């Protein structure tokens, strides 16, 4: 039985976060949970979800890659999160994005 886990990577600056998120998604079987979030003062975070071992491996790889590109503020794994925690986590929008067209 798979034990669900959540991993949160927080960096100072978007470049470090994008680099870290790329490494997380390439290194283990995890999914990005919602959009990257800006917290303020240049702090940004990304949340991934998967089984405990995969999230731990992904976060280790992501934090290492992000540290090379900038500053890692925090990297944390929450194993077996309580059900109500989803209310405070970023969620993917169910609405399709509209495409903007320009006329000539």
C-alpha atoms as a PDB file:
ATOM      1  CA  UNK A   1       0.000   0.000   0.000  1.00  0.00           C
ATOM      2  CA  UNK A   2       1.384   3.389  -0.995  1.00  0.00           C
ATOM      3  CA  UNK A   3       1.797   5.922   1.802  1.00  0.00           C
ATOM      4  CA  UNK A   4       0.991   9.406   0.470  1.00  0.00           C
ATOM      5  CA  UNK A   5       3.398  12.240   1.233  1.00  0.00           C
ATOM      6  CA  UNK A   6       3.760  15.924   0.399  1.00  0.00           C
ATOM      7  CA  UNK A   7       7.051  17.724  -0.187  1.00  0.00           C
ATOM      8  CA  UNK A   8       7.484  21.493  -0.127  1.00  0.00           C
ATOM      9  CA  UNK A   9      10.524  23.275  -1.550  1.00  0.00           C
ATOM     10  CA  UNK A  10      10.876  26.970  -0.737  1.00  0.00           C
ATOM     11  CA  UNK A  11      13.576  29.150  -2.278  1.00  0.00           C
ATOM     12  CA  UNK A  12      14.537  32.764  -2.506  1.00  0.00           C
ATOM     13  CA  UNK A  13      14.072  33.636  -6.172  1.00  0.00           C
ATOM     14  CA  UNK A  14      12.221  32.013  -9.037  1.00  0.00           C
ATOM     15  CA  UNK A  15      15.274  30.668 -10.914  1.00  0.00           C
ATOM     16  CA  UNK A  16      16.276  28.468  -7.975  1.00  0.00           C
ATOM     17  CA  UNK A  17      12.709  27.191  -7.609  1.00  0.00           C
ATOM     18  CA  UNK A  18      12.299  26.348 -11.288  1.00  0.00           C
ATOM     19  CA  UNK A  19      15.659  24.552 -11.276  1.00  0.00           C
ATOM     20  CA  UNK A  20      14.741  22.645  -8.117  1.00  0.00           C
ATOM     21  CA  UNK A  21      11.261  21.758  -9.344  1.00  0.00           C
ATOM     22  CA  UNK A  22      12.674  20.472 -12.620  1.00  0.00           C
ATOM     23  CA  UNK A  23      15.075  18.228 -10.693  1.00  0.00           C
ATOM     24  CA  UNK A  24      12.294  16.974  -8.386  1.00  0.00           C
ATOM     25  CA  UNK A  25      10.015  16.000 -11.256  1.00  0.00           C
ATOM     26  CA  UNK A  26      12.818  14.295 -13.194  1.00  0.00           C
ATOM     27  CA  UNK A  27      14.313  12.382 -10.261  1.00  0.00           C
ATOM     28  CA  UNK A  28      11.318  10.529  -8.821  1.00  0.00           C
ATOM     29  CA  UNK A  29       7.726   9.519  -9.443  1.00  0.00           C
ATOM     30  CA  UNK A  30       6.070  12.641  -7.984  1.00  0.00           C
ATOM     31  CA  UNK A  31       3.523  15.106  -9.317  1.00  0.00           C
ATOM     32  CA  UNK A  32       3.474  18.863  -9.007  1.00  0.00           C
ATOM     33  CA  UNK A  33       0.536  19.900  -6.844  1.00  0.00           C
ATOM     34  CA  UNK A  34      -0.835  23.163  -8.149  1.00  0.00           C
ATOM     35  CA  UNK A  35       1.059  26.202  -9.364  1.00  0.00           C
ATOM     36  CA  UNK A  36       4.228  27.552  -7.806  1.00  0.00           C
ATOM     37  CA  UNK A  37       3.354  30.085  -5.113  1.00  0.00           C
ATOM     38  CA  UNK A  38       4.948  33.423  -4.295  1.00  0.00           C
ATOM     39  CA  UNK A  39       5.044  34.105  -0.578  1.00  0.00           C
ATOM     40  CA  UNK A  40       6.540  37.614  -0.678  1.00  0.00           C
ATOM     41  CA  UNK A  41      10.043  39.005  -0.182  1.00  0.00           C
ATOM     42  CA  UNK A  42      11.194  36.925  -3.189  1.00  0.00           C
ATOM     43  CA  UNK A  43      10.199  33.677  -1.438  1.00  0.00           C
ATOM     44  CA  UNK A  44       8.528  31.132  -3.709  1.00  0.00           C
ATOM     45  CA  UNK A  45       7.499  27.538  -3.116  1.00  0.00           C
ATOM     46  CA  UNK A  46       6.468  24.415  -4.995  1.00  0.00           C
ATOM     47  CA  UNK A  47       4.631  21.395  -3.619  1.00  0.00           C
ATOM     48  CA  UNK A  48       4.949  17.832  -4.903  1.00  0.00           C
ATOM     49  CA  UNK A  49       3.016  14.707  -3.998  1.00  0.00           C
ATOM     50  CA  UNK A  50       3.749  10.976  -4.192  1.00  0.00           C
ATOM     51  CA  UNK A  51       4.742   8.084  -1.990  1.00  0.00           C
ATOM     52  CA  UNK A  52       7.016   8.826   0.969  1.00  0.00           C
ATOM     53  CA  UNK A  53      10.242   7.464  -0.545  1.00  0.00           C
ATOM     54  CA  UNK A  54       9.683   9.196  -3.891  1.00  0.00           C
ATOM     55  CA  UNK A  55       8.909  12.555  -2.268  1.00  0.00           C
ATOM     56  CA  UNK A  56      12.005  12.292  -0.053  1.00  0.00           C
ATOM     57  CA  UNK A  57      14.223  11.448  -3.050  1.00  0.00           C
ATOM     58  CA  UNK A  58      12.662  14.207  -5.152  1.00  0.00           C
ATOM     59  CA  UNK A  59      13.083  16.810  -2.415  1.00  0.00           C
ATOM     60  CA  UNK A  60      16.723  15.859  -1.866  1.00  0.00           C
ATOM     61  CA  UNK A  61      17.438  16.210  -5.595  1.00  0.00           C
ATOM     62  CA  UNK A  62      15.413  19.422  -5.876  1.00  0.00           C
ATOM     63  CA  UNK A  63      17.041  21.103  -2.892  1.00  0.00           C
ATOM     64  CA  UNK A  64      20.500  20.208  -4.166  1.00  0.00           C
ATOM     65  CA  UNK A  65      19.795  21.595  -7.645  1.00  0.00           C
ATOM     66  CA  UNK A  66      18.095  24.705  -6.275  1.00  0.00           C
ATOM     67  CA  UNK A  67      21.051  25.405  -3.951  1.00  0.00           C
ATOM     68  CA  UNK A  68      23.363  25.473  -6.973  1.00  0.00           C
ATOM     69  CA  UNK A  69      21.125  28.045  -8.687  1.00  0.00           C
ATOM     70  CA  UNK A  70      20.248  30.204  -5.670  1.00  0.00           C
ATOM     71  CA  UNK A  71      19.189  29.990  -2.046  1.00  0.00           C
ATOM     72  CA  UNK A  72      17.091  27.216  -0.512  1.00  0.00           C
ATOM     73  CA  UNK A  73      15.049  28.476   2.430  1.00  0.00           C
ATOM     74  CA  UNK A  74      13.314  25.211   3.339  1.00  0.00           C
ATOM     75  CA  UNK A  75      12.733  21.676   2.082  1.00  0.00           C
ATOM     76  CA  UNK A  76      10.260  19.605   4.053  1.00  0.00           C
ATOM     77  CA  UNK A  77       8.493  16.242   3.683  1.00  0.00           C
ATOM     78  CA  UNK A  78       5.127  15.643   5.341  1.00  0.00           C
ATOM     79  CA  UNK A  79       4.487  11.901   5.462  1.00  0.00           C
ATOM     80  CA  UNK A  80       0.866  10.726   5.701  1.00  0.00           C
ATOM     81  CA  UNK A  81      -0.668  14.221   5.894  1.00  0.00           C
ATOM     82  CA  UNK A  82      -4.049  14.617   7.540  1.00  0.00           C
ATOM     83  CA  UNK A  83      -6.956  14.816   5.069  1.00  0.00           C
ATOM     84  CA  UNK A  84      -7.871  18.446   5.745  1.00  0.00           C
ATOM     85  CA  UNK A  85      -4.400  19.695   4.838  1.00  0.00           C
ATOM     86  CA  UNK A  86      -5.413  19.924   1.171  1.00  0.00           C
ATOM     87  CA  UNK A  87      -7.410  23.049   2.019  1.00  0.00           C
ATOM     88  CA  UNK A  88      -4.210  25.073   2.510  1.00  0.00           C
ATOM     89  CA  UNK A  89      -2.154  23.552  -0.315  1.00  0.00           C
ATOM     90  CA  UNK A  90      -2.046  24.923  -3.867  1.00  0.00           C
ATOM     91  CA  UNK A  91      -4.538  23.229  -6.193  1.00  0.00           C
ATOM     92  CA  UNK A  92      -4.548  22.920  -9.949  1.00  0.00           C
ATOM     93  CA  UNK A  93      -7.287  25.005 -11.498  1.00  0.00           C
ATOM     94  CA  UNK A  94     -10.119  22.977 -12.994  1.00  0.00           C
ATOM     95  CA  UNK A  95     -10.902  25.776 -15.446  1.00  0.00           C
ATOM     96  CA  UNK A  96      -9.042  25.685 -18.763  1.00  0.00           C
ATOM     97  CA  UNK A  97      -6.876  28.692 -19.430  1.00  0.00           C
ATOM     98  CA  UNK A  98      -8.232  31.044 -22.043  1.00  0.00           C
ATOM     99  CA  UNK A  99      -6.054  31.700 -25.032  1.00  0.00           C
ATOM    100  CA  UNK A 100      -5.539  35.258 -25.948  1.00  0.00           C
ATOM    101  CA  UNK A 101      -5.650  36.103 -29.623  1.00  0.00           C
ATOM    102  CA  UNK A 102      -4.751  39.321 -31.315  1.00  0.00           C
ATOM    103  CA  UNK A 103      -6.323  40.577 -34.485  1.00  0.00           C
ATOM    104  CA  UNK A 104      -4.455  42.500 -37.133  1.00  0.00           C
END
